[in-house]
Amino acid sequence: MNDKLADTLTIAFMVSALVLLWRRIAKPEVRFLSTWWDYVLLILCALPFVTGFLAYHQIGPYKPTMVVHLLSAEILLIVIPFSKLAHMVLYFFTRAFMGFEMGGRRNTPCW
């Protein structure tokens, strides 16, 4: 991947994460529904991108930044199946399952 494209996409993701954090804090109805775990997940999703960007451009100490980058990415991969982030993976499997189960039979299960 082109370095310029990777940097652009990383910055776009970081800006999007900041917008989502601002929305979570600024809108009362979203703030009411948000738990501390939602904030942790948002930070956990953004941390590998931020630390990867900093490590690649060698901003700050390299080794500690790489350690935080690797640990945050590994923790994110471990947390995905046990959190709301699993919906981004399981959505496609659920759609396929529901299509097989209910498809062509007017919403009646085939079992």
N, C-alpha and C. Protein backbone atom coordinates (compact mmCIF):
# COMPACT_ATOMS: atom_id res chain seq x y z
N MET A 1 0.86 -1.18 0.00
CA MET A 1 0.00 0.00 0.00
C MET A 1 0.90 1.23 0.00
N ASN A 2 0.47 2.21 -0.70
CA ASN A 2 1.19 3.47 -0.76
C ASN A 2 1.21 4.11 0.63
N ASP A 3 2.38 4.64 1.03
CA ASP A 3 2.50 5.25 2.36
C ASP A 3 1.57 6.45 2.53
N LYS A 4 1.42 7.21 1.48
CA LYS A 4 0.55 8.39 1.56
C LYS A 4 -0.91 7.97 1.76
N LEU A 5 -1.32 6.93 1.07
CA LEU A 5 -2.69 6.42 1.23
C LEU A 5 -2.90 5.86 2.64
N ALA A 6 -1.92 5.12 3.15
CA ALA A 6 -2.02 4.56 4.50
C ALA A 6 -2.10 5.67 5.54
N ASP A 7 -1.28 6.70 5.37
CA ASP A 7 -1.34 7.83 6.31
C ASP A 7 -2.68 8.55 6.23
N THR A 8 -3.20 8.72 5.04
CA THR A 8 -4.50 9.39 4.87
C THR A 8 -5.61 8.59 5.53
N LEU A 9 -5.62 7.29 5.32
CA LEU A 9 -6.66 6.45 5.93
C LEU A 9 -6.53 6.41 7.45
N THR A 10 -5.29 6.39 7.95
CA THR A 10 -5.08 6.40 9.40
C THR A 10 -5.57 7.70 10.02
N ILE A 11 -5.24 8.81 9.39
CA ILE A 11 -5.70 10.10 9.90
C ILE A 11 -7.21 10.20 9.82
N ALA A 12 -7.80 9.69 8.74
CA ALA A 12 -9.26 9.69 8.62
C ALA A 12 -9.89 8.86 9.73
N PHE A 13 -9.30 7.73 10.07
CA PHE A 13 -9.83 6.91 11.15
C PHE A 13 -9.70 7.63 12.49
N MET A 14 -8.56 8.28 12.73
CA MET A 14 -8.38 8.99 14.00
C MET A 14 -9.37 10.15 14.13
N VAL A 15 -9.60 10.87 13.04
CA VAL A 15 -10.59 11.95 13.06
C VAL A 15 -11.99 11.38 13.32
N SER A 16 -12.30 10.27 12.68
CA SER A 16 -13.61 9.62 12.89
C SER A 16 -13.77 9.18 14.34
N ALA A 17 -12.72 8.64 14.93
CA ALA A 17 -12.79 8.22 16.33
C ALA A 17 -13.02 9.42 17.24
N LEU A 18 -12.36 10.53 16.94
CA LEU A 18 -12.58 11.74 17.74
C LEU A 18 -14.01 12.26 17.58
N VAL A 19 -14.55 12.20 16.37
CA VAL A 19 -15.94 12.62 16.15
C VAL A 19 -16.90 11.72 16.92
N LEU A 20 -16.66 10.42 16.90
CA LEU A 20 -17.51 9.50 17.66
C LEU A 20 -17.40 9.74 19.16
N LEU A 21 -16.19 10.03 19.64
CA LEU A 21 -16.02 10.34 21.06
C LEU A 21 -16.74 11.64 21.42
N TRP A 22 -16.59 12.65 20.57
CA TRP A 22 -17.28 13.92 20.81
C TRP A 22 -18.79 13.71 20.81
N ARG A 23 -19.31 12.92 19.87
CA ARG A 23 -20.75 12.65 19.81
C ARG A 23 -21.22 11.94 21.07
N ARG A 24 -20.42 11.01 21.55
CA ARG A 24 -20.78 10.27 22.75
C ARG A 24 -20.83 11.18 23.98
N ILE A 25 -19.99 12.18 24.00
CA ILE A 25 -19.93 13.10 25.14
C ILE A 25 -20.95 14.23 24.98
N ALA A 26 -21.11 14.77 23.77
CA ALA A 26 -21.91 15.98 23.55
C ALA A 26 -23.41 15.73 23.51
N LYS A 27 -23.85 14.63 22.94
CA LYS A 27 -25.29 14.38 22.80
C LYS A 27 -25.81 13.71 24.07
N PRO A 28 -26.77 14.32 24.74
CA PRO A 28 -27.25 13.77 26.01
C PRO A 28 -27.86 12.38 25.88
N GLU A 29 -28.59 12.13 24.79
CA GLU A 29 -29.23 10.81 24.65
C GLU A 29 -28.19 9.71 24.41
N VAL A 30 -27.12 10.03 23.70
CA VAL A 30 -26.06 9.04 23.49
C VAL A 30 -25.24 8.87 24.77
N ARG A 31 -24.98 9.98 25.47
CA ARG A 31 -24.25 9.91 26.73
C ARG A 31 -25.01 9.08 27.76
N PHE A 32 -26.33 9.20 27.77
CA PHE A 32 -27.15 8.44 28.71
C PHE A 32 -27.04 6.93 28.45
N LEU A 33 -26.99 6.54 27.18
CA LEU A 33 -26.92 5.13 26.82
C LEU A 33 -25.51 4.55 26.87
N SER A 34 -24.50 5.42 26.94
CA SER A 34 -23.11 4.95 26.91
C SER A 34 -22.67 4.49 28.29
N THR A 35 -21.93 3.39 28.30
CA THR A 35 -21.32 2.89 29.53
C THR A 35 -19.82 3.13 29.46
N TRP A 36 -19.14 2.86 30.54
CA TRP A 36 -17.69 3.03 30.55
C TRP A 36 -17.05 2.07 29.55
N TRP A 37 -17.66 0.91 29.32
CA TRP A 37 -17.11 -0.07 28.39
C TRP A 37 -17.14 0.45 26.95
N ASP A 38 -18.14 1.27 26.61
CA ASP A 38 -18.20 1.85 25.27
C ASP A 38 -17.01 2.79 25.03
N TYR A 39 -16.65 3.56 26.05
CA TYR A 39 -15.49 4.44 25.93
C TYR A 39 -14.20 3.63 25.83
N VAL A 40 -14.10 2.56 26.61
CA VAL A 40 -12.91 1.70 26.56
C VAL A 40 -12.78 1.08 25.17
N LEU A 41 -13.88 0.60 24.60
CA LEU A 41 -13.82 0.00 23.27
C LEU A 41 -13.41 1.01 22.20
N LEU A 42 -13.91 2.22 22.32
CA LEU A 42 -13.55 3.25 21.35
C LEU A 42 -12.06 3.57 21.43
N ILE A 43 -11.55 3.70 22.64
CA ILE A 43 -10.11 3.96 22.81
C ILE A 43 -9.29 2.76 22.36
N LEU A 44 -9.77 1.57 22.68
CA LEU A 44 -9.06 0.36 22.30
C LEU A 44 -9.02 0.18 20.78
N CYS A 45 -10.04 0.62 20.09
CA CYS A 45 -10.04 0.55 18.62
C CYS A 45 -9.09 1.59 18.02
N ALA A 46 -9.00 2.76 18.63
CA ALA A 46 -8.18 3.83 18.08
C ALA A 46 -6.71 3.69 18.43
N LEU A 47 -6.41 3.06 19.55
CA LEU A 47 -5.03 3.01 20.04
C LEU A 47 -4.06 2.33 19.07
N PRO A 48 -4.38 1.20 18.45
CA PRO A 48 -3.42 0.63 17.49
C PRO A 48 -3.13 1.54 16.30
N PHE A 49 -4.11 2.29 15.86
CA PHE A 49 -3.90 3.21 14.74
C PHE A 49 -3.00 4.37 15.15
N VAL A 50 -3.26 4.94 16.32
CA VAL A 50 -2.47 6.08 16.79
C VAL A 50 -1.02 5.65 17.03
N THR A 51 -0.83 4.56 17.76
CA THR A 51 0.53 4.13 18.07
C THR A 51 1.26 3.62 16.83
N GLY A 52 0.55 2.99 15.90
CA GLY A 52 1.17 2.57 14.65
C GLY A 52 1.64 3.76 13.83
N PHE A 53 0.82 4.80 13.79
CA PHE A 53 1.19 6.02 13.07
C PHE A 53 2.41 6.67 13.72
N LEU A 54 2.40 6.74 15.05
CA LEU A 54 3.53 7.34 15.76
C LEU A 54 4.80 6.52 15.59
N ALA A 55 4.68 5.20 15.64
CA ALA A 55 5.86 4.34 15.49
C ALA A 55 6.42 4.41 14.07
N TYR A 56 5.56 4.42 13.08
CA TYR A 56 6.03 4.45 11.69
C TYR A 56 6.78 5.74 11.39
N HIS A 57 6.26 6.85 11.89
CA HIS A 57 6.89 8.14 11.64
C HIS A 57 7.93 8.48 12.69
N GLN A 58 8.17 7.57 13.62
CA GLN A 58 9.17 7.70 14.69
C GLN A 58 9.01 9.00 15.46
N ILE A 59 7.78 9.22 15.90
CA ILE A 59 7.47 10.36 16.76
C ILE A 59 7.50 9.83 18.18
N GLY A 60 8.42 10.32 18.98
CA GLY A 60 8.56 9.83 20.34
C GLY A 60 9.45 8.59 20.39
N PRO A 61 9.56 7.99 21.57
CA PRO A 61 10.42 6.80 21.71
C PRO A 61 9.83 5.62 20.95
N TYR A 62 10.66 4.97 20.15
CA TYR A 62 10.18 3.93 19.23
C TYR A 62 9.77 2.65 19.96
N LYS A 63 10.66 2.12 20.81
CA LYS A 63 10.38 0.82 21.43
C LYS A 63 9.13 0.83 22.32
N PRO A 64 8.97 1.79 23.23
CA PRO A 64 7.73 1.79 24.02
C PRO A 64 6.47 1.97 23.17
N THR A 65 6.59 2.77 22.11
CA THR A 65 5.45 2.96 21.22
C THR A 65 5.08 1.66 20.52
N MET A 66 6.09 0.91 20.08
CA MET A 66 5.83 -0.38 19.43
C MET A 66 5.24 -1.39 20.41
N VAL A 67 5.71 -1.37 21.66
CA VAL A 67 5.16 -2.29 22.66
C VAL A 67 3.68 -1.98 22.90
N VAL A 68 3.35 -0.70 23.06
CA VAL A 68 1.95 -0.31 23.25
C VAL A 68 1.14 -0.65 22.01
N HIS A 69 1.72 -0.45 20.84
CA HIS A 69 1.03 -0.76 19.58
C HIS A 69 0.69 -2.26 19.50
N LEU A 70 1.66 -3.10 19.75
CA LEU A 70 1.44 -4.55 19.65
C LEU A 70 0.48 -5.04 20.73
N LEU A 71 0.66 -4.56 21.96
CA LEU A 71 -0.24 -4.99 23.05
C LEU A 71 -1.67 -4.53 22.80
N SER A 72 -1.84 -3.30 22.34
CA SER A 72 -3.21 -2.82 22.10
C SER A 72 -3.87 -3.58 20.97
N ALA A 73 -3.12 -3.92 19.93
CA ALA A 73 -3.69 -4.70 18.83
C ALA A 73 -4.05 -6.11 19.28
N GLU A 74 -3.19 -6.72 20.09
CA GLU A 74 -3.48 -8.07 20.58
C GLU A 74 -4.67 -8.07 21.54
N ILE A 75 -4.74 -7.08 22.41
CA ILE A 75 -5.88 -6.98 23.33
C ILE A 75 -7.17 -6.77 22.54
N LEU A 76 -7.11 -5.95 21.50
CA LEU A 76 -8.29 -5.73 20.66
C LEU A 76 -8.75 -7.03 20.01
N LEU A 77 -7.83 -7.82 19.50
CA LEU A 77 -8.20 -9.09 18.88
C LEU A 77 -8.77 -10.07 19.91
N ILE A 78 -8.27 -10.02 21.13
CA ILE A 78 -8.79 -10.90 22.18
C ILE A 78 -10.19 -10.46 22.61
N VAL A 79 -10.43 -9.16 22.67
CA VAL A 79 -11.70 -8.62 23.17
C VAL A 79 -12.83 -8.74 22.15
N ILE A 80 -12.52 -8.76 20.87
CA ILE A 80 -13.56 -8.73 19.82
C ILE A 80 -14.66 -9.77 20.04
N PRO A 81 -14.35 -11.05 20.28
CA PRO A 81 -15.45 -12.02 20.40
C PRO A 81 -16.34 -11.84 21.62
N PHE A 82 -15.85 -11.13 22.63
CA PHE A 82 -16.58 -11.02 23.89
C PHE A 82 -17.20 -9.64 24.09
N SER A 83 -17.29 -8.84 23.06
CA SER A 83 -17.80 -7.48 23.20
C SER A 83 -18.77 -7.16 22.06
N LYS A 84 -19.20 -5.91 22.02
CA LYS A 84 -20.09 -5.46 20.96
C LYS A 84 -19.39 -5.48 19.60
N LEU A 85 -18.08 -5.52 19.61
CA LEU A 85 -17.34 -5.55 18.35
C LEU A 85 -17.56 -6.84 17.58
N ALA A 86 -18.05 -7.87 18.24
CA ALA A 86 -18.33 -9.13 17.55
C ALA A 86 -19.42 -8.96 16.51
N HIS A 87 -20.27 -7.96 16.66
CA HIS A 87 -21.35 -7.75 15.70
C HIS A 87 -20.82 -7.45 14.30
N MET A 88 -19.65 -6.80 14.21
CA MET A 88 -19.10 -6.48 12.89
C MET A 88 -18.66 -7.74 12.16
N VAL A 89 -18.34 -8.80 12.88
CA VAL A 89 -17.94 -10.07 12.26
C VAL A 89 -19.16 -10.97 12.09
N LEU A 90 -19.97 -11.07 13.13
CA LEU A 90 -21.08 -12.01 13.12
C LEU A 90 -22.26 -11.56 12.26
N TYR A 91 -22.29 -10.30 11.88
CA TYR A 91 -23.39 -9.78 11.06
C TYR A 91 -23.54 -10.60 9.78
N PHE A 92 -22.44 -10.86 9.11
CA PHE A 92 -22.50 -11.56 7.82
C PHE A 92 -22.94 -13.01 8.00
N PHE A 93 -22.48 -13.66 9.07
CA PHE A 93 -22.90 -15.03 9.32
C PHE A 93 -24.38 -15.10 9.67
N THR A 94 -24.86 -14.13 10.43
CA THR A 94 -26.27 -14.10 10.79
C THR A 94 -27.14 -13.86 9.56
N ARG A 95 -26.72 -12.96 8.69
CA ARG A 95 -27.48 -12.70 7.47
C ARG A 95 -27.55 -13.95 6.60
N ALA A 96 -26.44 -14.65 6.48
CA ALA A 96 -26.43 -15.87 5.68
C ALA A 96 -27.30 -16.94 6.32
N PHE A 97 -27.22 -17.09 7.63
CA PHE A 97 -28.02 -18.09 8.33
C PHE A 97 -29.51 -17.80 8.18
N MET A 98 -29.88 -16.53 8.37
CA MET A 98 -31.29 -16.17 8.25
C MET A 98 -31.78 -16.34 6.82
N GLY A 99 -30.92 -16.10 5.84
CA GLY A 99 -31.30 -16.32 4.46
C GLY A 99 -31.55 -17.79 4.17
N PHE A 100 -30.70 -18.65 4.73
CA PHE A 100 -30.89 -20.09 4.53
C PHE A 100 -32.13 -20.60 5.28
N GLU A 101 -32.34 -20.09 6.47
CA GLU A 101 -33.45 -20.56 7.30
C GLU A 101 -34.79 -20.06 6.79
N MET A 102 -34.87 -18.78 6.48
CA MET A 102 -36.15 -18.17 6.17
C MET A 102 -36.34 -17.86 4.69
N GLY A 103 -35.36 -18.10 3.88
CA GLY A 103 -35.42 -17.71 2.47
C GLY A 103 -36.43 -18.50 1.67
N GLY A 104 -37.29 -17.80 0.94
CA GLY A 104 -38.23 -18.43 0.02
C GLY A 104 -39.40 -19.13 0.67
N ARG A 105 -39.59 -18.99 1.96
CA ARG A 105 -40.68 -19.71 2.63
C ARG A 105 -41.58 -18.75 3.41
N ARG A 106 -41.64 -17.54 3.02
CA ARG A 106 -42.49 -16.54 3.67
C ARG A 106 -42.24 -16.47 5.18
N ASN A 107 -40.98 -16.36 5.53
CA ASN A 107 -40.56 -16.18 6.92
C ASN A 107 -40.97 -17.32 7.84
N THR A 108 -40.99 -18.51 7.34
CA THR A 108 -41.22 -19.67 8.20
C THR A 108 -39.96 -20.52 8.20
N PRO A 109 -39.52 -20.93 9.37
CA PRO A 109 -38.29 -21.73 9.42
C PRO A 109 -38.47 -23.06 8.72
N CYS A 110 -37.37 -23.57 8.17
CA CYS A 110 -37.44 -24.82 7.42
C CYS A 110 -37.39 -26.04 8.34
N TRP A 111 -37.24 -25.87 9.60
CA TRP A 111 -37.21 -27.01 10.52
C TRP A 111 -38.58 -27.22 11.06
